[in-house]
């Protein structure tokens, strides 16, 4: 199967080489890898230039955006700049972070999943992070069928059906909800262990803390589901502050009449799906 990769990159001089080496070592090579240099101020662009000389599969584009490392809009804007460089002659498309090491069979395995599962819409592996003792430990804060935003592969049909990636915090949740709404399935492969070189969220600034609650509002969760989801997140993070930040973000979005990311019909589907999952977990 043919696939494209888009890598948004902002100040990744410490990790980028390892990521691109792991892409070059794939047993199933991509047709094209778009390296989006997103306002980097370190040595990132020079590293990108080295790899575009090493292989014609890499193509660089420069994007100017905010220097702040904000989740959501910044990375999706950069991704969409890369997407503009590609045609539609692909079977699946990948949004990849620039601080990862992929196993060499990663995309060959992803390709096989798309071949074998007719309605598969989004696929990926699992992310591991290195602890102080040197051990690589699974970091998966959500349900096991959630594909982390750093390693998402979309079938062409699914990507078109969901309208691409939403330019907001929560893009890597709403994409899965809309995929399900449109009749696609999700798959995570626990044999695909991806090394994440920078712990999740370490570079995010203080403004990002309330965006999760805003995202829950924009996905039409409603107050009760947002409260339950925020409590669950706070328990997993062992941080009551994250609960209050989420709820404050939700309340602010309500007061500001923030635009929704989904239609009313899609929102009803999402809310029903969330309630089913909550009831299933209570019974378990």
Protein backbone atom coordinates (compact mmCIF):
# COMPACT_ATOMS: atom_id res chain seq x y z
CA UNK A 1 0.00 0.00 0.00
CA UNK A 2 1.11 3.56 -0.67
CA UNK A 3 1.29 6.08 2.12
CA UNK A 4 2.38 9.63 2.87
CA UNK A 5 3.79 10.99 6.11
CA UNK A 6 3.54 14.58 7.36
CA UNK A 7 5.78 15.60 10.27
CA UNK A 8 5.15 19.00 11.94
CA UNK A 9 8.47 20.07 13.50
CA UNK A 10 9.16 22.85 16.00
CA UNK A 11 12.58 23.06 17.70
CA UNK A 12 13.32 19.33 17.63
CA UNK A 13 17.09 19.39 17.14
CA UNK A 14 17.61 16.93 20.02
CA UNK A 15 15.30 14.25 18.63
CA UNK A 16 14.68 14.78 14.92
CA UNK A 17 17.60 12.76 13.56
CA UNK A 18 16.51 9.64 15.42
CA UNK A 19 12.97 10.04 14.14
CA UNK A 20 14.02 10.48 10.52
CA UNK A 21 16.50 7.60 10.74
CA UNK A 22 13.70 5.34 11.94
CA UNK A 23 11.53 6.50 9.00
CA UNK A 24 14.35 5.75 6.55
CA UNK A 25 14.75 2.26 8.03
CA UNK A 26 11.12 1.25 7.45
CA UNK A 27 10.61 -2.09 5.70
CA UNK A 28 7.77 -0.45 3.76
CA UNK A 29 9.00 2.93 2.61
CA UNK A 30 6.68 5.95 2.32
CA UNK A 31 6.04 7.57 -1.05
CA UNK A 32 6.79 10.98 0.41
CA UNK A 33 7.57 12.50 3.80
CA UNK A 34 6.76 16.19 4.21
CA UNK A 35 8.91 17.85 6.88
CA UNK A 36 7.14 21.01 8.04
CA UNK A 37 9.61 23.31 9.75
CA UNK A 38 7.21 25.23 11.96
CA UNK A 39 8.95 28.42 13.09
CA UNK A 40 11.98 26.60 14.54
CA UNK A 41 14.70 28.76 16.07
CA UNK A 42 17.28 26.06 16.81
CA UNK A 43 19.22 23.74 14.47
CA UNK A 44 16.09 21.94 13.25
CA UNK A 45 16.13 23.36 9.72
CA UNK A 46 19.74 22.35 9.12
CA UNK A 47 18.91 18.78 10.15
CA UNK A 48 15.92 18.79 7.81
CA UNK A 49 18.15 20.00 4.98
CA UNK A 50 20.59 17.14 5.60
CA UNK A 51 17.83 14.57 5.21
CA UNK A 52 16.35 16.12 2.09
CA UNK A 53 19.81 15.67 0.57
CA UNK A 54 20.06 12.09 1.84
CA UNK A 55 16.79 10.97 0.24
CA UNK A 56 14.34 12.35 -2.29
CA UNK A 57 11.50 10.92 -0.19
CA UNK A 58 11.89 13.90 2.15
CA UNK A 59 10.55 17.32 1.23
CA UNK A 60 10.90 20.44 3.38
CA UNK A 61 8.50 23.31 3.69
CA UNK A 62 8.75 26.26 6.07
CA UNK A 63 5.76 27.44 8.05
CA UNK A 64 5.60 30.59 10.17
CA UNK A 65 3.38 30.39 13.23
CA UNK A 66 3.43 31.18 16.91
CA UNK A 67 6.62 30.21 18.75
CA UNK A 68 4.49 28.95 21.65
CA UNK A 69 4.25 25.15 21.94
CA UNK A 70 0.46 24.91 22.15
CA UNK A 71 -1.44 21.66 21.66
CA UNK A 72 -4.02 21.56 18.91
CA UNK A 73 -4.07 24.44 16.47
CA UNK A 74 -0.32 24.88 16.04
CA UNK A 75 0.40 21.28 15.14
CA UNK A 76 -2.69 20.90 12.93
CA UNK A 77 -1.89 24.13 11.08
CA UNK A 78 1.58 22.78 10.35
CA UNK A 79 0.16 19.40 9.33
CA UNK A 80 -2.27 21.06 6.92
CA UNK A 81 0.57 23.07 5.36
CA UNK A 82 2.28 19.76 4.65
CA UNK A 83 -0.92 18.19 3.38
CA UNK A 84 -1.16 20.89 0.70
CA UNK A 85 2.00 19.47 -0.87
CA UNK A 86 0.47 16.04 -1.48
CA UNK A 87 -1.86 14.53 -4.07
CA UNK A 88 -4.52 11.93 -3.34
CA UNK A 89 -2.63 8.93 -4.70
CA UNK A 90 -2.29 7.15 -1.37
CA UNK A 91 -3.98 4.42 0.64
CA UNK A 92 -3.28 5.91 4.05
CA UNK A 93 -1.79 9.09 5.44
CA UNK A 94 0.18 9.56 8.64
CA UNK A 95 0.54 12.45 11.07
CA UNK A 96 3.80 11.81 12.90
CA UNK A 97 5.59 13.68 15.68
CA UNK A 98 9.29 14.56 15.39
CA UNK A 99 10.45 13.08 18.70
CA UNK A 100 9.84 9.36 18.16
CA UNK A 101 11.71 6.20 17.28
CA UNK A 102 9.60 3.76 15.25
CA UNK A 103 10.24 0.03 15.01
CA UNK A 104 11.46 -0.81 11.49
CA UNK A 105 8.30 -2.78 10.64
CA UNK A 106 5.95 -0.07 11.89
CA UNK A 107 4.37 1.07 8.62
CA UNK A 108 4.45 -2.37 7.01
CA UNK A 109 2.40 -3.64 9.94
CA UNK A 110 0.03 -0.65 9.75
CA UNK A 111 -0.38 -1.31 6.02
CA UNK A 112 -1.28 -4.94 6.67
CA UNK A 113 -3.94 -3.90 9.16
CA UNK A 114 -5.54 -1.61 6.59
CA UNK A 115 -5.43 -4.43 4.00
CA UNK A 116 -7.02 -6.96 6.33
CA UNK A 117 -9.67 -4.83 8.02
CA UNK A 118 -12.08 -3.44 5.45
CA UNK A 119 -13.61 -0.65 7.57
CA UNK A 120 -10.48 0.28 9.50
CA UNK A 121 -10.24 4.06 9.64
CA UNK A 122 -7.45 4.93 12.09
CA UNK A 123 -4.56 2.76 13.21
CA UNK A 124 -1.42 3.00 15.34
CA UNK A 125 0.84 1.42 17.91
CA UNK A 126 1.57 2.24 21.54
CA UNK A 127 3.89 4.89 22.95
CA UNK A 128 6.59 4.15 25.51
CA UNK A 129 8.55 6.71 27.53
CA UNK A 130 11.87 6.22 29.30
CA UNK A 131 11.95 6.48 33.07
CA UNK A 132 14.89 7.53 35.25
CA UNK A 133 15.88 3.89 35.70
CA UNK A 134 16.33 3.59 31.92
CA UNK A 135 13.30 1.34 31.39
CA UNK A 136 10.80 2.10 28.61
CA UNK A 137 7.30 2.13 30.08
CA UNK A 138 3.92 2.24 28.34
CA UNK A 139 2.33 5.69 28.47
CA UNK A 140 -1.29 5.41 27.42
CA UNK A 141 -3.57 7.67 29.48
CA UNK A 142 -6.77 6.88 27.59
CA UNK A 143 -8.66 3.74 26.54
CA UNK A 144 -6.62 1.09 24.77
CA UNK A 145 -8.43 1.63 21.48
CA UNK A 146 -7.34 5.28 21.39
CA UNK A 147 -4.52 6.02 18.95
CA UNK A 148 -2.14 8.65 20.26
CA UNK A 149 -1.95 11.87 18.25
CA UNK A 150 1.80 11.43 17.74
CA UNK A 151 1.40 8.32 15.57
CA UNK A 152 -1.93 8.44 13.76
CA UNK A 153 -2.46 6.68 10.44
CA UNK A 154 -5.72 7.31 8.56
CA UNK A 155 -7.17 5.40 5.65
CA UNK A 156 -7.86 7.70 2.72
CA UNK A 157 -11.64 7.09 2.91
CA UNK A 158 -11.75 7.81 6.63
CA UNK A 159 -9.59 10.93 6.36
CA UNK A 160 -11.93 12.32 3.71
CA UNK A 161 -15.08 11.33 5.61
CA UNK A 162 -14.05 13.14 8.81
CA UNK A 163 -12.99 16.23 6.88
CA UNK A 164 -9.32 15.99 7.83
CA UNK A 165 -7.98 17.18 11.17
CA UNK A 166 -9.81 19.81 13.21
CA UNK A 167 -7.80 22.93 13.97
CA UNK A 168 -8.26 22.85 17.75
CA UNK A 169 -7.32 21.15 20.98
CA UNK A 170 -9.10 17.80 21.01
CA UNK A 171 -8.40 17.11 17.32
CA UNK A 172 -6.99 13.68 18.22
CA UNK A 173 -10.18 12.70 20.04
CA UNK A 174 -12.81 14.19 17.75
CA UNK A 175 -11.19 12.49 14.74
CA UNK A 176 -11.83 9.08 16.33
CA UNK A 177 -15.38 9.98 17.35
CA UNK A 178 -16.16 11.18 13.82
CA UNK A 179 -14.53 8.08 12.37
CA UNK A 180 -16.93 5.94 14.41
CA UNK A 181 -19.83 8.20 13.42
CA UNK A 182 -18.98 7.54 9.77
CA UNK A 183 -18.84 3.76 10.24
CA UNK A 184 -15.09 3.24 10.57
CA UNK A 185 -13.27 1.20 13.21
CA UNK A 186 -10.09 1.93 15.17
CA UNK A 187 -7.19 -0.40 15.88
CA UNK A 188 -4.17 -0.24 18.17
CA UNK A 189 -1.43 -2.84 17.82
CA UNK A 190 0.31 -3.55 21.12
CA UNK A 191 3.20 -5.21 19.28
CA UNK A 192 4.15 -1.85 17.75
CA UNK A 193 6.15 -0.17 20.50
CA UNK A 194 7.11 3.40 19.67
CA UNK A 195 9.71 5.21 21.77
CA UNK A 196 8.69 8.75 22.67
CA UNK A 197 11.83 10.76 23.39
CA UNK A 198 10.14 13.76 25.02
CA UNK A 199 7.60 13.10 27.82
CA UNK A 200 4.08 14.10 26.84
CA UNK A 201 3.14 17.72 27.41
CA UNK A 202 6.46 18.83 28.91
CA UNK A 203 6.80 21.74 26.50
CA UNK A 204 3.23 23.00 26.75
CA UNK A 205 2.79 26.39 28.37
CA UNK A 206 0.34 27.50 31.05
CA UNK A 207 -2.28 28.65 28.54
CA UNK A 208 -2.80 25.05 27.42
CA UNK A 209 -4.15 23.86 30.76
CA UNK A 210 -7.76 24.88 30.17
CA UNK A 211 -7.93 23.84 26.54
CA UNK A 212 -9.01 20.28 27.37
CA UNK A 213 -12.21 21.55 28.96
CA UNK A 214 -12.79 23.83 26.00
CA UNK A 215 -12.34 20.83 23.70
CA UNK A 216 -14.93 18.83 25.64
CA UNK A 217 -17.38 21.70 25.19
CA UNK A 218 -16.64 21.95 21.47
CA UNK A 219 -17.23 18.19 21.05
CA UNK A 220 -20.69 18.67 22.64
CA UNK A 221 -19.99 16.42 25.64
CA UNK A 222 -22.28 18.39 27.87
CA UNK A 223 -21.64 19.33 31.51
CA UNK A 224 -22.17 15.91 33.13
CA UNK A 225 -19.94 13.92 30.76
CA UNK A 226 -17.30 16.67 30.93
CA UNK A 227 -17.36 16.44 34.75
CA UNK A 228 -16.99 12.64 34.67
CA UNK A 229 -14.21 12.77 32.04
CA UNK A 230 -12.39 15.49 33.97
CA UNK A 231 -12.56 13.51 37.21
CA UNK A 232 -11.21 10.43 35.43
CA UNK A 233 -8.36 12.47 34.00
CA UNK A 234 -7.57 14.03 37.38
CA UNK A 235 -7.42 10.60 39.01
CA UNK A 236 -5.10 9.25 36.32
CA UNK A 237 -2.87 12.32 36.55
CA UNK A 238 -3.14 12.37 40.35
CA UNK A 239 -3.85 16.08 40.07
CA UNK A 240 -7.01 17.80 41.35
CA UNK A 241 -5.76 20.95 39.58
CA UNK A 242 -6.30 19.31 36.20
CA UNK A 243 -9.96 18.74 37.14
CA UNK A 244 -10.52 22.40 38.01
CA UNK A 245 -8.62 23.56 34.90
CA UNK A 246 -10.81 21.36 32.71
CA UNK A 247 -14.03 22.55 34.28
CA UNK A 248 -12.96 26.20 34.13
CA UNK A 249 -12.07 25.74 30.45
CA UNK A 250 -15.51 24.21 29.81
CA UNK A 251 -17.32 27.02 31.65
CA UNK A 252 -15.34 29.71 29.83
CA UNK A 253 -16.13 28.09 26.48
CA UNK A 254 -19.83 28.04 27.41
CA UNK A 255 -19.81 31.71 28.35
CA UNK A 256 -17.92 32.63 25.17
CA UNK A 257 -20.27 30.62 22.92
CA UNK A 258 -17.21 28.87 21.49
CA UNK A 259 -17.81 27.30 18.09
CA UNK A 260 -18.53 23.57 18.07
CA UNK A 261 -16.24 21.16 16.22
CA UNK A 262 -19.12 18.84 15.34
CA UNK A 263 -22.70 19.14 14.11
CA UNK A 264 -25.67 18.62 16.41
CA UNK A 265 -26.26 15.16 14.93
CA UNK A 266 -22.59 14.21 15.35
CA UNK A 267 -22.71 15.60 18.88
CA UNK A 268 -25.69 13.39 19.76
CA UNK A 269 -23.81 10.35 18.47
CA UNK A 270 -20.73 11.33 20.50
CA UNK A 271 -22.73 11.86 23.68
CA UNK A 272 -24.55 8.53 23.28
CA UNK A 273 -21.24 6.77 22.65
CA UNK A 274 -19.68 8.33 25.74
CA UNK A 275 -22.63 7.28 27.91
CA UNK A 276 -22.41 3.71 26.58
CA UNK A 277 -18.72 3.59 27.50
CA UNK A 278 -19.38 5.00 30.97
CA UNK A 279 -22.15 2.43 31.63
CA UNK A 280 -19.97 -0.40 30.31
CA UNK A 281 -17.14 0.54 32.69
CA UNK A 282 -19.51 0.83 35.66
CA UNK A 283 -20.85 -2.69 34.98
CA UNK A 284 -17.32 -4.06 34.60
